[in-house]
Amino acid sequence: MKKKSFVLILLFISFSTSVWAFSCPSLMQKIDKAFASANINENRLETIEFLREKGEHFHTSGDHKASEVTLNAAIDLL
């Protein structure tokens, strides 16, 4: 029983740390919140929206590093 509990705890820890390894969802949320309050010209807004969509696509496909780079570029334009 102890061995089984130990294995389950290790599995839980390994899965929970992988969930927090990348910050893609929080970056997307940060961009979404900034849209509501930012005064951005039309060209820059289109670029930010494009980068946000690409970042979400990378995140969905599992390329979290590319997602973070793309989403951070969008944040830099805000």
PDB file of N, CA and C in Angstrom:
ATOM      1  N   MET A   1       0.819  -1.200   0.000  1.00  0.00           N
ATOM      2  CA  MET A   1       0.000   0.000   0.000  1.00  0.00           C
ATOM      3  C   MET A   1       0.859   1.259   0.000  1.00  0.00           C
ATOM      4  N   LYS A   2       1.928   1.260   0.796  1.00  0.00           N
ATOM      5  CA  LYS A   2       2.812   2.416   0.852  1.00  0.00           C
ATOM      6  C   LYS A   2       3.479   2.652  -0.499  1.00  0.00           C
ATOM      7  N   LYS A   3       3.859   1.568  -1.139  1.00  0.00           N
ATOM      8  CA  LYS A   3       4.526   1.674  -2.435  1.00  0.00           C
ATOM      9  C   LYS A   3       3.581   2.287  -3.466  1.00  0.00           C
ATOM     10  N   LYS A   4       2.332   1.863  -3.432  1.00  0.00           N
ATOM     11  CA  LYS A   4       1.322   2.381  -4.363  1.00  0.00           C
ATOM     12  C   LYS A   4       1.072   3.868  -4.122  1.00  0.00           C
ATOM     13  N   SER A   5       0.971   4.263  -2.865  1.00  0.00           N
ATOM     14  CA  SER A   5       0.764   5.674  -2.522  1.00  0.00           C
ATOM     15  C   SER A   5       1.949   6.515  -2.963  1.00  0.00           C
ATOM     16  N   PHE A   6       3.135   6.002  -2.755  1.00  0.00           N
ATOM     17  CA  PHE A   6       4.343   6.723  -3.147  1.00  0.00           C
ATOM     18  C   PHE A   6       4.386   6.948  -4.656  1.00  0.00           C
ATOM     19  N   VAL A   7       4.049   5.931  -5.423  1.00  0.00           N
ATOM     20  CA  VAL A   7       4.019   6.044  -6.884  1.00  0.00           C
ATOM     21  C   VAL A   7       2.975   7.064  -7.322  1.00  0.00           C
ATOM     22  N   LEU A   8       1.819   7.033  -6.707  1.00  0.00           N
ATOM     23  CA  LEU A   8       0.774   7.997  -7.051  1.00  0.00           C
ATOM     24  C   LEU A   8       1.202   9.426  -6.732  1.00  0.00           C
ATOM     25  N   ILE A   9       1.870   9.619  -5.622  1.00  0.00           N
ATOM     26  CA  ILE A   9       2.352  10.956  -5.265  1.00  0.00           C
ATOM     27  C   ILE A   9       3.391  11.426  -6.275  1.00  0.00           C
ATOM     28  N   LEU A  10       4.298  10.552  -6.650  1.00  0.00           N
ATOM     29  CA  LEU A  10       5.307  10.927  -7.648  1.00  0.00           C
ATOM     30  C   LEU A  10       4.672  11.280  -8.990  1.00  0.00           C
ATOM     31  N   LEU A  11       3.676  10.520  -9.404  1.00  0.00           N
ATOM     32  CA  LEU A  11       2.978  10.824 -10.654  1.00  0.00           C
ATOM     33  C   LEU A  11       2.278  12.171 -10.577  1.00  0.00           C
ATOM     34  N   PHE A  12       1.621  12.433  -9.464  1.00  0.00           N
ATOM     35  CA  PHE A  12       0.933  13.709  -9.285  1.00  0.00           C
ATOM     36  C   PHE A  12       1.915  14.872  -9.350  1.00  0.00           C
ATOM     37  N   ILE A  13       3.036  14.739  -8.685  1.00  0.00           N
ATOM     38  CA  ILE A  13       4.036  15.811  -8.676  1.00  0.00           C
ATOM     39  C   ILE A  13       4.595  16.033 -10.074  1.00  0.00           C
ATOM     40  N   SER A  14       4.886  14.968 -10.787  1.00  0.00           N
ATOM     41  CA  SER A  14       5.469  15.126 -12.123  1.00  0.00           C
ATOM     42  C   SER A  14       4.485  15.768 -13.094  1.00  0.00           C
ATOM     43  N   PHE A  15       3.199  15.417 -13.003  1.00  0.00           N
ATOM     44  CA  PHE A  15       2.216  16.021 -13.892  1.00  0.00           C
ATOM     45  C   PHE A  15       1.904  17.453 -13.503  1.00  0.00           C
ATOM     46  N   SER A  16       1.850  17.744 -12.233  1.00  0.00           N
ATOM     47  CA  SER A  16       1.519  19.106 -11.816  1.00  0.00           C
ATOM     48  C   SER A  16       2.641  20.082 -12.142  1.00  0.00           C
ATOM     49  N   THR A  17       3.899  19.657 -12.078  1.00  0.00           N
ATOM     50  CA  THR A  17       4.994  20.563 -12.423  1.00  0.00           C
ATOM     51  C   THR A  17       5.052  20.805 -13.919  1.00  0.00           C
ATOM     52  N   SER A  18       4.698  19.836 -14.725  1.00  0.00           N
ATOM     53  CA  SER A  18       4.710  20.050 -16.171  1.00  0.00           C
ATOM     54  C   SER A  18       3.619  21.018 -16.603  1.00  0.00           C
ATOM     55  N   VAL A  19       2.534  21.060 -15.863  1.00  0.00           N
ATOM     56  CA  VAL A  19       1.456  21.995 -16.180  1.00  0.00           C
ATOM     57  C   VAL A  19       1.924  23.428 -15.974  1.00  0.00           C
ATOM     58  N   TRP A  20       2.708  23.674 -14.941  1.00  0.00           N
ATOM     59  CA  TRP A  20       3.162  25.036 -14.623  1.00  0.00           C
ATOM     60  C   TRP A  20       4.477  25.394 -15.303  1.00  0.00           C
ATOM     61  N   ALA A  21       5.021  24.509 -16.129  1.00  0.00           N
ATOM     62  CA  ALA A  21       6.318  24.760 -16.738  1.00  0.00           C
ATOM     63  C   ALA A  21       6.286  25.918 -17.726  1.00  0.00           C
ATOM     64  N   PHE A  22       5.193  26.124 -18.390  1.00  0.00           N
ATOM     65  CA  PHE A  22       5.091  27.181 -19.386  1.00  0.00           C
ATOM     66  C   PHE A  22       3.981  28.151 -19.003  1.00  0.00           C
ATOM     67  N   SER A  23       4.151  29.379 -19.408  1.00  0.00           N
ATOM     68  CA  SER A  23       3.206  30.418 -18.994  1.00  0.00           C
ATOM     69  C   SER A  23       2.346  30.917 -20.150  1.00  0.00           C
ATOM     70  N   CYS A  24       2.161  30.117 -21.166  1.00  0.00           N
ATOM     71  CA  CYS A  24       1.391  30.537 -22.341  1.00  0.00           C
ATOM     72  C   CYS A  24      -0.011  31.057 -21.989  1.00  0.00           C
ATOM     73  N   PRO A  25      -0.798  30.317 -21.216  1.00  0.00           N
ATOM     74  CA  PRO A  25      -2.151  30.804 -20.921  1.00  0.00           C
ATOM     75  C   PRO A  25      -2.154  32.143 -20.177  1.00  0.00           C
ATOM     76  N   SER A  26      -1.221  32.324 -19.255  1.00  0.00           N
ATOM     77  CA  SER A  26      -1.196  33.597 -18.529  1.00  0.00           C
ATOM     78  C   SER A  26      -0.770  34.743 -19.436  1.00  0.00           C
ATOM     79  N   LEU A  27       0.105  34.465 -20.391  1.00  0.00           N
ATOM     80  CA  LEU A  27       0.504  35.501 -21.355  1.00  0.00           C
ATOM     81  C   LEU A  27      -0.670  35.884 -22.253  1.00  0.00           C
ATOM     82  N   MET A  28      -1.435  34.881 -22.699  1.00  0.00           N
ATOM     83  CA  MET A  28      -2.607  35.169 -23.533  1.00  0.00           C
ATOM     84  C   MET A  28      -3.628  35.998 -22.751  1.00  0.00           C
ATOM     85  N   GLN A  29      -3.809  35.657 -21.494  1.00  0.00           N
ATOM     86  CA  GLN A  29      -4.742  36.391 -20.650  1.00  0.00           C
ATOM     87  C   GLN A  29      -4.273  37.837 -20.447  1.00  0.00           C
ATOM     88  N   LYS A  30      -2.980  38.014 -20.297  1.00  0.00           N
ATOM     89  CA  LYS A  30      -2.420  39.356 -20.132  1.00  0.00           C
ATOM     90  C   LYS A  30      -2.675  40.209 -21.377  1.00  0.00           C
ATOM     91  N   ILE A  31      -2.523  39.616 -22.555  1.00  0.00           N
ATOM     92  CA  ILE A  31      -2.782  40.323 -23.810  1.00  0.00           C
ATOM     93  C   ILE A  31      -4.258  40.674 -23.919  1.00  0.00           C
ATOM     94  N   ASP A  32      -5.120  39.733 -23.599  1.00  0.00           N
ATOM     95  CA  ASP A  32      -6.562  39.972 -23.682  1.00  0.00           C
ATOM     96  C   ASP A  32      -7.002  41.113 -22.769  1.00  0.00           C
ATOM     97  N   LYS A  33      -6.451  41.150 -21.566  1.00  0.00           N
ATOM     98  CA  LYS A  33      -6.792  42.227 -20.633  1.00  0.00           C
ATOM     99  C   LYS A  33      -6.278  43.570 -21.140  1.00  0.00           C
ATOM    100  N   ALA A  34      -5.111  43.580 -21.749  1.00  0.00           N
ATOM    101  CA  ALA A  34      -4.525  44.834 -22.240  1.00  0.00           C
ATOM    102  C   ALA A  34      -5.318  45.390 -23.424  1.00  0.00           C
ATOM    103  N   PHE A  35      -5.938  44.519 -24.217  1.00  0.00           N
ATOM    104  CA  PHE A  35      -6.766  44.988 -25.337  1.00  0.00           C
ATOM    105  C   PHE A  35      -7.875  45.912 -24.858  1.00  0.00           C
ATOM    106  N   ALA A  36      -8.447  45.571 -23.733  1.00  0.00           N
ATOM    107  CA  ALA A  36      -9.584  46.338 -23.225  1.00  0.00           C
ATOM    108  C   ALA A  36      -9.186  47.734 -22.775  1.00  0.00           C
ATOM    109  N   SER A  37      -7.975  47.884 -22.278  1.00  0.00           N
ATOM    110  CA  SER A  37      -7.592  49.173 -21.703  1.00  0.00           C
ATOM    111  C   SER A  37      -6.592  49.964 -22.538  1.00  0.00           C
ATOM    112  N   ALA A  38      -6.008  49.358 -23.539  1.00  0.00           N
ATOM    113  CA  ALA A  38      -4.959  50.027 -24.307  1.00  0.00           C
ATOM    114  C   ALA A  38      -5.535  50.846 -25.461  1.00  0.00           C
ATOM    115  N   ASN A  39      -4.886  51.965 -25.723  1.00  0.00           N
ATOM    116  CA  ASN A  39      -5.222  52.799 -26.863  1.00  0.00           C
ATOM    117  C   ASN A  39      -4.157  52.540 -27.932  1.00  0.00           C
ATOM    118  N   ILE A  40      -4.472  51.657 -28.878  1.00  0.00           N
ATOM    119  CA  ILE A  40      -3.494  51.176 -29.855  1.00  0.00           C
ATOM    120  C   ILE A  40      -3.981  51.513 -31.252  1.00  0.00           C
ATOM    121  N   ASN A  41      -3.046  51.970 -32.125  1.00  0.00           N
ATOM    122  CA  ASN A  41      -3.457  52.266 -33.494  1.00  0.00           C
ATOM    123  C   ASN A  41      -3.785  50.971 -34.241  1.00  0.00           C
ATOM    124  N   GLU A  42      -4.498  51.102 -35.340  1.00  0.00           N
ATOM    125  CA  GLU A  42      -5.062  49.949 -36.062  1.00  0.00           C
ATOM    126  C   GLU A  42      -3.985  48.974 -36.559  1.00  0.00           C
ATOM    127  N   ASN A  43      -2.898  49.480 -37.126  1.00  0.00           N
ATOM    128  CA  ASN A  43      -1.849  48.598 -37.651  1.00  0.00           C
ATOM    129  C   ASN A  43      -1.195  47.788 -36.546  1.00  0.00           C
ATOM    130  N   ARG A  44      -0.897  48.440 -35.458  1.00  0.00           N
ATOM    131  CA  ARG A  44      -0.266  47.750 -34.339  1.00  0.00           C
ATOM    132  C   ARG A  44      -1.242  46.734 -33.735  1.00  0.00           C
ATOM    133  N   LEU A  45      -2.507  47.088 -33.659  1.00  0.00           N
ATOM    134  CA  LEU A  45      -3.521  46.186 -33.125  1.00  0.00           C
ATOM    135  C   LEU A  45      -3.614  44.912 -33.963  1.00  0.00           C
ATOM    136  N   GLU A  46      -3.578  45.053 -35.278  1.00  0.00           N
ATOM    137  CA  GLU A  46      -3.627  43.877 -36.155  1.00  0.00           C
ATOM    138  C   GLU A  46      -2.416  42.979 -35.945  1.00  0.00           C
ATOM    139  N   THR A  47      -1.251  43.583 -35.766  1.00  0.00           N
ATOM    140  CA  THR A  47      -0.031  42.810 -35.537  1.00  0.00           C
ATOM    141  C   THR A  47      -0.112  42.064 -34.206  1.00  0.00           C
ATOM    142  N   ILE A  48      -0.581  42.743 -33.173  1.00  0.00           N
ATOM    143  CA  ILE A  48      -0.705  42.118 -31.854  1.00  0.00           C
ATOM    144  C   ILE A  48      -1.708  40.971 -31.901  1.00  0.00           C
ATOM    145  N   GLU A  49      -2.831  41.180 -32.580  1.00  0.00           N
ATOM    146  CA  GLU A  49      -3.833  40.110 -32.707  1.00  0.00           C
ATOM    147  C   GLU A  49      -3.267  38.911 -33.461  1.00  0.00           C
ATOM    148  N   PHE A  50      -2.502  39.183 -34.523  1.00  0.00           N
ATOM    149  CA  PHE A  50      -1.883  38.102 -35.291  1.00  0.00           C
ATOM    150  C   PHE A  50      -0.914  37.309 -34.417  1.00  0.00           C
ATOM    151  N   LEU A  51      -0.058  38.022 -33.677  1.00  0.00           N
ATOM    152  CA  LEU A  51       0.913  37.351 -32.818  1.00  0.00           C
ATOM    153  C   LEU A  51       0.220  36.550 -31.712  1.00  0.00           C
ATOM    154  N   ARG A  52      -0.863  37.085 -31.185  1.00  0.00           N
ATOM    155  CA  ARG A  52      -1.601  36.380 -30.137  1.00  0.00           C
ATOM    156  C   ARG A  52      -2.209  35.092 -30.679  1.00  0.00           C
ATOM    157  N   GLU A  53      -2.775  35.162 -31.883  1.00  0.00           N
ATOM    158  CA  GLU A  53      -3.350  33.968 -32.514  1.00  0.00           C
ATOM    159  C   GLU A  53      -2.270  32.923 -32.811  1.00  0.00           C
ATOM    160  N   LYS A  54      -1.120  33.390 -33.323  1.00  0.00           N
ATOM    161  CA  LYS A  54      -0.018  32.461 -33.598  1.00  0.00           C
ATOM    162  C   LYS A  54       0.480  31.824 -32.312  1.00  0.00           C
ATOM    163  N   GLY A  55       0.578  32.636 -31.253  1.00  0.00           N
ATOM    164  CA  GLY A  55       1.016  32.115 -29.967  1.00  0.00           C
ATOM    165  C   GLY A  55       0.073  31.048 -29.435  1.00  0.00           C
ATOM    166  N   GLU A  56      -1.213  31.288 -29.598  1.00  0.00           N
ATOM    167  CA  GLU A  56      -2.197  30.296 -29.156  1.00  0.00           C
ATOM    168  C   GLU A  56      -2.096  29.028 -30.004  1.00  0.00           C
ATOM    169  N   HIS A  57      -1.858  29.186 -31.297  1.00  0.00           N
ATOM    170  CA  HIS A  57      -1.693  28.026 -32.175  1.00  0.00           C
ATOM    171  C   HIS A  57      -0.473  27.196 -31.754  1.00  0.00           C
ATOM    172  N   PHE A  58       0.646  27.871 -31.496  1.00  0.00           N
ATOM    173  CA  PHE A  58       1.840  27.156 -31.036  1.00  0.00           C
ATOM    174  C   PHE A  58       1.564  26.423 -29.725  1.00  0.00           C
ATOM    175  N   HIS A  59       0.870  27.091 -28.819  1.00  0.00           N
ATOM    176  CA  HIS A  59       0.547  26.479 -27.526  1.00  0.00           C
ATOM    177  C   HIS A  59      -0.307  25.225 -27.724  1.00  0.00           C
ATOM    178  N   THR A  60      -1.320  25.334 -28.560  1.00  0.00           N
ATOM    179  CA  THR A  60      -2.217  24.207 -28.812  1.00  0.00           C
ATOM    180  C   THR A  60      -1.490  23.030 -29.449  1.00  0.00           C
ATOM    181  N   SER A  61      -0.528  23.348 -30.335  1.00  0.00           N
ATOM    182  CA  SER A  61       0.206  22.278 -31.013  1.00  0.00           C
ATOM    183  C   SER A  61       1.335  21.712 -30.157  1.00  0.00           C
ATOM    184  N   GLY A  62       1.579  22.321 -28.976  1.00  0.00           N
ATOM    185  CA  GLY A  62       2.578  21.773 -28.067  1.00  0.00           C
ATOM    186  C   GLY A  62       3.937  22.442 -28.122  1.00  0.00           C
ATOM    187  N   ASP A  63       4.107  23.429 -28.987  1.00  0.00           N
ATOM    188  CA  ASP A  63       5.388  24.140 -29.086  1.00  0.00           C
ATOM    189  C   ASP A  63       5.345  25.349 -28.140  1.00  0.00           C
ATOM    190  N   HIS A  64       5.548  25.086 -26.869  1.00  0.00           N
ATOM    191  CA  HIS A  64       5.370  26.113 -25.845  1.00  0.00           C
ATOM    192  C   HIS A  64       6.458  27.184 -25.888  1.00  0.00           C
ATOM    193  N   LYS A  65       7.659  26.801 -26.268  1.00  0.00           N
ATOM    194  CA  LYS A  65       8.734  27.796 -26.344  1.00  0.00           C
ATOM    195  C   LYS A  65       8.416  28.820 -27.434  1.00  0.00           C
ATOM    196  N   ALA A  66       7.994  28.369 -28.602  1.00  0.00           N
ATOM    197  CA  ALA A  66       7.612  29.290 -29.677  1.00  0.00           C
ATOM    198  C   ALA A  66       6.409  30.122 -29.264  1.00  0.00           C
ATOM    199  N   SER A  67       5.495  29.524 -28.531  1.00  0.00           N
ATOM    200  CA  SER A  67       4.329  30.245 -28.060  1.00  0.00           C
ATOM    201  C   SER A  67       4.734  31.386 -27.133  1.00  0.00           C
ATOM    202  N   GLU A  68       5.626  31.107 -26.191  1.00  0.00           N
ATOM    203  CA  GLU A  68       6.069  32.142 -25.255  1.00  0.00           C
ATOM    204  C   GLU A  68       6.797  33.275 -25.975  1.00  0.00           C
ATOM    205  N   VAL A  69       7.641  32.928 -26.924  1.00  0.00           N
ATOM    206  CA  VAL A  69       8.375  33.958 -27.676  1.00  0.00           C
ATOM    207  C   VAL A  69       7.399  34.841 -28.447  1.00  0.00           C
ATOM    208  N   THR A  70       6.445  34.228 -29.116  1.00  0.00           N
ATOM    209  CA  THR A  70       5.469  34.964 -29.911  1.00  0.00           C
ATOM    210  C   THR A  70       4.570  35.838 -29.043  1.00  0.00           C
ATOM    211  N   LEU A  71       4.094  35.277 -27.946  1.00  0.00           N
ATOM    212  CA  LEU A  71       3.208  36.035 -27.051  1.00  0.00           C
ATOM    213  C   LEU A  71       3.962  37.172 -26.370  1.00  0.00           C
ATOM    214  N   ASN A  72       5.213  36.961 -26.019  1.00  0.00           N
ATOM    215  CA  ASN A  72       6.003  38.044 -25.420  1.00  0.00           C
ATOM    216  C   ASN A  72       6.268  39.151 -26.429  1.00  0.00           C
ATOM    217  N   ALA A  73       6.403  38.800 -27.715  1.00  0.00           N
ATOM    218  CA  ALA A  73       6.552  39.835 -28.750  1.00  0.00           C
ATOM    219  C   ALA A  73       5.282  40.662 -28.840  1.00  0.00           C
ATOM    220  N   ALA A  74       4.131  40.025 -28.721  1.00  0.00           N
ATOM    221  CA  ALA A  74       2.859  40.760 -28.731  1.00  0.00           C
ATOM    222  C   ALA A  74       2.760  41.683 -27.526  1.00  0.00           C
ATOM    223  N   ILE A  75       3.186  41.213 -26.387  1.00  0.00           N
ATOM    224  CA  ILE A  75       3.157  42.034 -25.170  1.00  0.00           C
ATOM    225  C   ILE A  75       4.088  43.236 -25.305  1.00  0.00           C
ATOM    226  N   ASP A  76       5.237  43.036 -25.926  1.00  0.00           N
ATOM    227  CA  ASP A  76       6.172  44.147 -26.131  1.00  0.00           C
ATOM    228  C   ASP A  76       5.566  45.251 -26.990  1.00  0.00           C
ATOM    229  N   LEU A  77       4.650  44.890 -27.880  1.00  0.00           N
ATOM    230  CA  LEU A  77       4.015  45.882 -28.743  1.00  0.00           C
ATOM    231  C   LEU A  77       2.876  46.634 -28.050  1.00  0.00           C
ATOM    232  N   LEU A  78       2.436  46.117 -26.916  1.00  0.00           N
ATOM    233  CA  LEU A  78       1.341  46.781 -26.199  1.00  0.00           C
ATOM    234  C   LEU A  78       1.810  48.043 -25.613  1.00  0.00           C
TER     235      LEU A  78
END
